[in-house]
Amino acid sequence: MIEWECLLADGHFDALVDAGEPRFVAGQEDDGCVVFALSPRLSATLAEAEQPELERAAMAWSRRRKEDGEIIDGEVAKSILSGPAALAGTARSRGEGVYCWVAQDSRRRPE
């Protein structure tokens, strides 16, 4: 999410981390599950983003991940980014925030 804010809203990684973004709402360290709130700026940016802007951000995100050794196909990146953008649009029209739940697969073993 921090990378998305950097790509879409001209955020700066260190500044976002220093500001406590993303804001953790709930989490359990022992099971790897966390819930965090998207920043109001990222939520608004996603809600307002047009498809070409989302596509450019998705391609840039895919390239960044590849540089770090994580392969995310460009089409998959577009699909991943489009979901939260649609959700942010709906949440904004209702005056609500957007939250993200992340779970680690407990069956996965460290290498």
Protein backbone atom coordinates (compact mmCIF):
# COMPACT_ATOMS: atom_id res chain seq x y z
CA MET A 1 0.00 0.00 0.00
CA ILE A 2 2.88 2.37 0.72
CA GLU A 3 4.25 1.71 -2.76
CA TRP A 4 0.84 2.45 -4.26
CA GLU A 5 0.67 5.75 -2.41
CA CYS A 6 4.16 6.62 -3.64
CA LEU A 7 3.21 5.80 -7.23
CA LEU A 8 -0.28 7.29 -7.34
CA ALA A 9 -0.16 10.21 -4.90
CA ASP A 10 3.49 11.25 -5.03
CA GLY A 11 4.06 10.01 -1.51
CA HIS A 12 7.54 9.40 -0.17
CA PHE A 13 8.21 6.07 1.51
CA ASP A 14 10.13 7.39 4.52
CA ALA A 15 7.64 10.21 5.12
CA LEU A 16 4.72 7.79 5.03
CA VAL A 17 6.41 5.40 7.45
CA ASP A 18 7.34 8.30 9.75
CA ALA A 19 3.68 9.42 9.66
CA GLY A 20 2.55 5.95 10.77
CA GLU A 21 1.11 4.90 7.43
CA PRO A 22 -0.47 2.55 6.94
CA ARG A 23 -2.29 2.78 10.28
CA PHE A 24 -2.61 -0.64 11.88
CA VAL A 25 -6.09 -1.25 13.26
CA ALA A 26 -5.74 -4.81 14.53
CA GLY A 27 -3.19 -7.54 14.42
CA GLN A 28 -1.86 -10.63 15.99
CA GLU A 29 1.87 -11.20 15.71
CA ASP A 30 1.56 -14.91 16.43
CA ASP A 31 -0.75 -15.74 13.53
CA GLY A 32 0.54 -13.23 10.97
CA CYS A 33 -2.84 -11.54 10.40
CA VAL A 34 -3.14 -7.76 10.44
CA VAL A 35 -5.76 -5.17 9.52
CA PHE A 36 -4.76 -1.68 8.51
CA ALA A 37 -6.52 1.40 7.20
CA LEU A 38 -5.60 2.96 3.90
CA SER A 39 -4.57 6.56 4.36
CA PRO A 40 -7.24 9.10 3.44
CA ARG A 41 -4.96 10.38 0.68
CA LEU A 42 -4.46 6.93 -0.88
CA SER A 43 -8.15 6.11 -0.56
CA ALA A 44 -9.13 9.38 -2.28
CA THR A 45 -6.49 8.94 -4.98
CA LEU A 46 -7.64 5.39 -5.72
CA ALA A 47 -11.28 6.49 -5.77
CA GLU A 48 -10.55 9.26 -8.29
CA ALA A 49 -8.03 7.41 -10.48
CA GLU A 50 -8.95 6.84 -14.10
CA GLN A 51 -8.11 3.50 -15.73
CA PRO A 52 -5.02 4.77 -17.64
CA GLU A 53 -3.57 6.15 -14.39
CA LEU A 54 -4.19 2.84 -12.61
CA GLU A 55 -2.57 0.97 -15.50
CA ARG A 56 0.56 3.18 -15.38
CA ALA A 57 0.82 2.72 -11.61
CA ALA A 58 0.33 -1.04 -11.91
CA MET A 59 3.08 -1.33 -14.52
CA ALA A 60 5.44 0.78 -12.39
CA TRP A 61 4.58 -1.33 -9.32
CA SER A 62 5.25 -4.52 -11.30
CA ARG A 63 8.68 -3.17 -12.34
CA ARG A 64 9.52 -2.18 -8.74
CA ARG A 65 8.60 -5.60 -7.45
CA LYS A 66 10.71 -7.23 -10.17
CA GLU A 67 13.72 -5.15 -9.09
CA ASP A 68 13.28 -6.64 -5.61
CA GLY A 69 13.02 -10.18 -7.00
CA GLU A 70 9.24 -10.51 -6.75
CA ILE A 71 7.55 -11.19 -10.06
CA ILE A 72 4.07 -9.72 -10.49
CA ASP A 73 2.79 -9.86 -14.05
CA GLY A 74 1.63 -6.48 -15.33
CA GLU A 75 -1.91 -7.72 -16.02
CA VAL A 76 -2.08 -9.25 -12.54
CA ALA A 77 -0.82 -5.97 -11.05
CA LYS A 78 -3.59 -4.09 -12.91
CA SER A 79 -6.17 -6.50 -11.58
CA ILE A 80 -4.84 -6.23 -8.02
CA LEU A 81 -4.84 -2.42 -8.11
CA SER A 82 -8.26 -2.15 -9.76
CA GLY A 83 -10.00 -3.99 -6.92
CA PRO A 84 -9.02 -1.56 -4.15
CA ALA A 85 -9.68 1.38 -6.51
CA ALA A 86 -13.28 0.23 -7.06
CA LEU A 87 -13.69 -0.43 -3.34
CA ALA A 88 -12.32 3.03 -2.51
CA GLY A 89 -14.81 4.60 -4.91
CA THR A 90 -17.71 2.81 -3.25
CA ALA A 91 -16.46 3.61 0.25
CA ARG A 92 -15.99 7.27 -0.63
CA SER A 93 -19.55 7.57 -1.96
CA ARG A 94 -20.75 6.21 1.40
CA GLY A 95 -18.42 8.36 3.51
CA GLU A 96 -16.52 5.29 4.71
CA GLY A 97 -12.87 4.34 4.96
CA VAL A 98 -11.05 1.42 3.39
CA TYR A 99 -9.36 -1.30 5.39
CA CYS A 100 -7.08 -4.11 4.29
CA TRP A 101 -6.80 -7.50 5.97
CA VAL A 102 -3.57 -9.39 5.36
CA ALA A 103 -3.05 -13.00 6.39
CA GLN A 104 0.05 -15.09 6.11
CA ASP A 105 -0.43 -18.68 4.99
CA SER A 106 0.44 -20.71 8.09
CA ARG A 107 1.19 -23.75 5.92
CA ARG A 108 4.06 -21.94 4.26
CA ARG A 109 7.42 -22.90 5.67
CA PRO A 110 10.42 -20.55 5.77
CA GLU A 111 13.13 -21.53 3.31
